[in-house]
Every structure is written in structure tokens, then in C-alpha cells.
Amino acid sequence: MLTALTIIFVLTYAAIAFEHPLKINKSASALAGAGLLWTIYAVLSGNQHAISHEISETLASTAQIVFFLMGAMTIVELIDAHNGFQVVTDRINTTKLSSLMLLICLVTFFLSAVLDNLTTTIVMISLVKKLLSKRDDRLIFAGMIVIAANAGGAWSPIGDVTTTMLWIGGQITPANIMTWLFIPSIVNVVIPAAVTAWMLHGKIVEAPVNNNSSQNELTSTAERAVVFWLGLGVLVAVPIFKTLTHLPPFMGVLFGLGILWIVVDRMHKNKDDEEKRELTLTHALTRIDMASIIFFIGILLAVATLEHTHILTQLATWLNAVVGRLDVIVVLIGIASALVDNVPLVAASMGMYNIESYPSDSFLWEFLAYCAGTGGSILIIGSAAGVAAMGLEKIDFLWYLKKISLLAFVGYLAGAAVYIVQFNIFH
């Protein structure tokens, strides 16, 4: 059974990777693969009660991520409908593509540490769409945003779900993770950014033709600013909400979305229905990319079968027996997270290495937070940020592999080397 599940999982990912040559939508491949994996698991395991319990757990965790994604995307669409991103774009005056790329990477890196890599990616890609008209330029920027968002999330206890898992589990503490992972994470994004800036040297920013004149007429400067800052404030407040209430992030997003909805409805209460139709949150809901959300559901359900069948745990045990060296194992786990979701990989590692043998803030947990957080940038399907970018900009798997993967891999190894050297010097 395990062999069959592994083969089907690999074939599913291959179908996603070769979406364009096969002419099969990646969402269809993800859903078909997930359905086949769960069907084989259910039929061959013979334990219907256990399967029912596991799929309920998977549904709960998947729904939390999907609700969060839908809420964040709706907020971004509502800001866009009010032309709220003009608040930022009007203040960006650079005409050099390389300078703009470095600025976007810098903002993404630090914003991801405050928000999280998924939300930051959605916000920044939406912003770049307002700054650049050429699709080729936007794709390069989207790839760099994925790298910067994952790197920014790795050094913050609330920036990436795996770092948050390690924090809640007691394996790391906020002060130490921010102190020791900041420089490796910076290196992780600086190297790809520097190479990309050199490649873009001499090119100028080609801004899109302003096609938001209708929104400009319908909304005042004050209304655009209110929706932009309130929407961004809701997203920034989600980690704080989670810390104070211990409720999952999707609850904070939905709560904030409700507040934003009330404010927008009151803001446009005196306008007639036709005038305010495109400015309502109801209209924003129709603009979110449901195909990307369905793709996300399929990927999460597919990966869950590897978690429940303990294939990932067996992989970690095998690595421990064959490789032996802890630093090499953690680097390999990070590379594996480019293919498989880093959450079950980290969960498997937390189960394999107990906290008694490896106490809080030890080399293993800090290095794991870095590698699992940034290794997903190597492939577009390796992180939530990458999957979101793939949907938002319709990025082809093979394009990312050719243009971005090597840069992400070099940055990943450089940051890992910096952490190891840093640890040996100061410990």
C-alpha cells in the first residue's frame, strides 16, 4: 500500500508540474490525486473507523487554511476594488526595475515576519500587479516575493506555520529564534535578490495603463486610504489576535473581514446600488480565484495521506539511520520540503527527536526552523506562499524551475552555511 501511495503521489506532482504540456489543469490533477490516494488508503487499510477519524482531522486543518486564504484574498480584492493600492504606488518613484525589485524584496521580508508568508505573498503580488504591466517582469517579481516571504517568515515565531509549531511545542523561544536566524534568513534572500537585480540592470519600470478611472471616480482619496489601512491593519492584527486568544488565524481574518464589511457598507450607504456595486464586499467575493483555492485543497489532502500513513516519519527514521549527521539530515529535510509540505515534515521531526534529548533552542530546532521555512522556496509547490503565487499569477511549474529554483537553492545553502558557522562561533 505504501509503495502504491508513494507512486501515485509522485505521479500527481508530475501532472501538476507538466500542466501545460499535458493540457490538464493543475487543480484537476491535485483533486484527482487526492481522491485516488484517500481511496486506496481507505480500501487497503481496512480500518474504516480510523480512516474516518483521520479524514475529519485533515478536513479541520485544511478548512482552517482555506478559510484563512479566502478571507485574506477577499480583503485584498476589496482594497483593489477601491484602488487602495494607489496609496502605496503613488509613493514609489523609482524607474529602475532592479531598484524596485530590491525594494519589494525588502518590504516582503520584513512584512512576512509581522504577518505570515502566505498573507504577505498575496498582498505583495497584488501590489506588483499595480506597478508592472509586463507579465515577464511580474513573474520574476513573484518568484522573488516567494523567496523573500519564506525567508522573512523563518526568523519570526509568527511568520511561518512551522516556526509557530516549534514555538508552541516549546522547541524554540521567540528571542533566540529572532536573534540566531535573522542573518541566515537575510543571506537567503540577499543572494537571489542581488543576482536578479544584476540581471534586471538597465531595464526600466513599465507601469500599467491606469484602468481604474471608474474606481477613482467612485471613491475619494480618504475612502481609498481608509479601506487600504483598515484592510492591512486587519491582516497585521491576525498574529496578535492569535497570540492573545489562542484561536486559529482564520478566526482572526474572518473577524476582521466582518469589521471591514461593516465599515465599507456604512461608508457607501448614501450611494445608489449601481454606483456602489463594484465596491461591496459581496462583489469582492466573486473576484477571488476559486481555482487556486481548490488546487490548494487538493494539495493539502494529498499530502495528508503521507502524514497519516507515516511515510514521512519512516523517511525521517531512514535518514537518521543512513546519513547520521544531524546538520546534513536537517538540510535534506529542508530540501524535501520543496516537494512535500513542511508542516508534516516538521511534525514528523518533532515526533522523532524528543525535547529531553534536544532541549529548547538547541541546534536541531533552530536549524530545522530555518531549513523547513526556506527550503520550500526551491520549488513553486513547496510552500503555501509558492502555491498562492502560482495561482495568483498563473506561474508554470517548469518556468519557476528554470528561472527561480537555482537562485532559491543557492540562497538556501548559503543561509544554512551561515547558520552553522554562526552556531560554531558563538556556541
Foldseek 3Di string as FASTA:
>chain_A
DVVVLVVLLVVLVVCQQPCPVVVPHNLVSLQVSLVVNLVCCCVVVVDVVVSVVLVVVLVVVLVLVLLQLLLLLLLLLLLVLLVLLCVVVVVDDFFALLVVLVVLLVCLLQVLLLFALQSSLSNSLSSVLQFADDLVSSVVSSLLSNLSQLLSLLQHCNNYPLSVVCCVVQQADGVLSNVQSVVLSCLLNPQLSVVVSVVRPPHTGDGDDPPSVLSPVLHDPVRSNVSNVLSVVLSSCLVVCCVVPVDRSSVSSVVSSVVSQVVQCVVCVPPDCVSCVSNHSVVSSVPRQVSLSSSSSSQSSSLSSCLVVCVLLVVLVVCCVPVVDLLVSLLVLLLVLLSGPLVSNSVSVPVVDDCVVPPHPRPNSSLNSLSSSQSNSLWLPNYSSSSSSCRVSVDNRVVCNVPPNVSSVVSSVSSSVVSVVVVVVPD
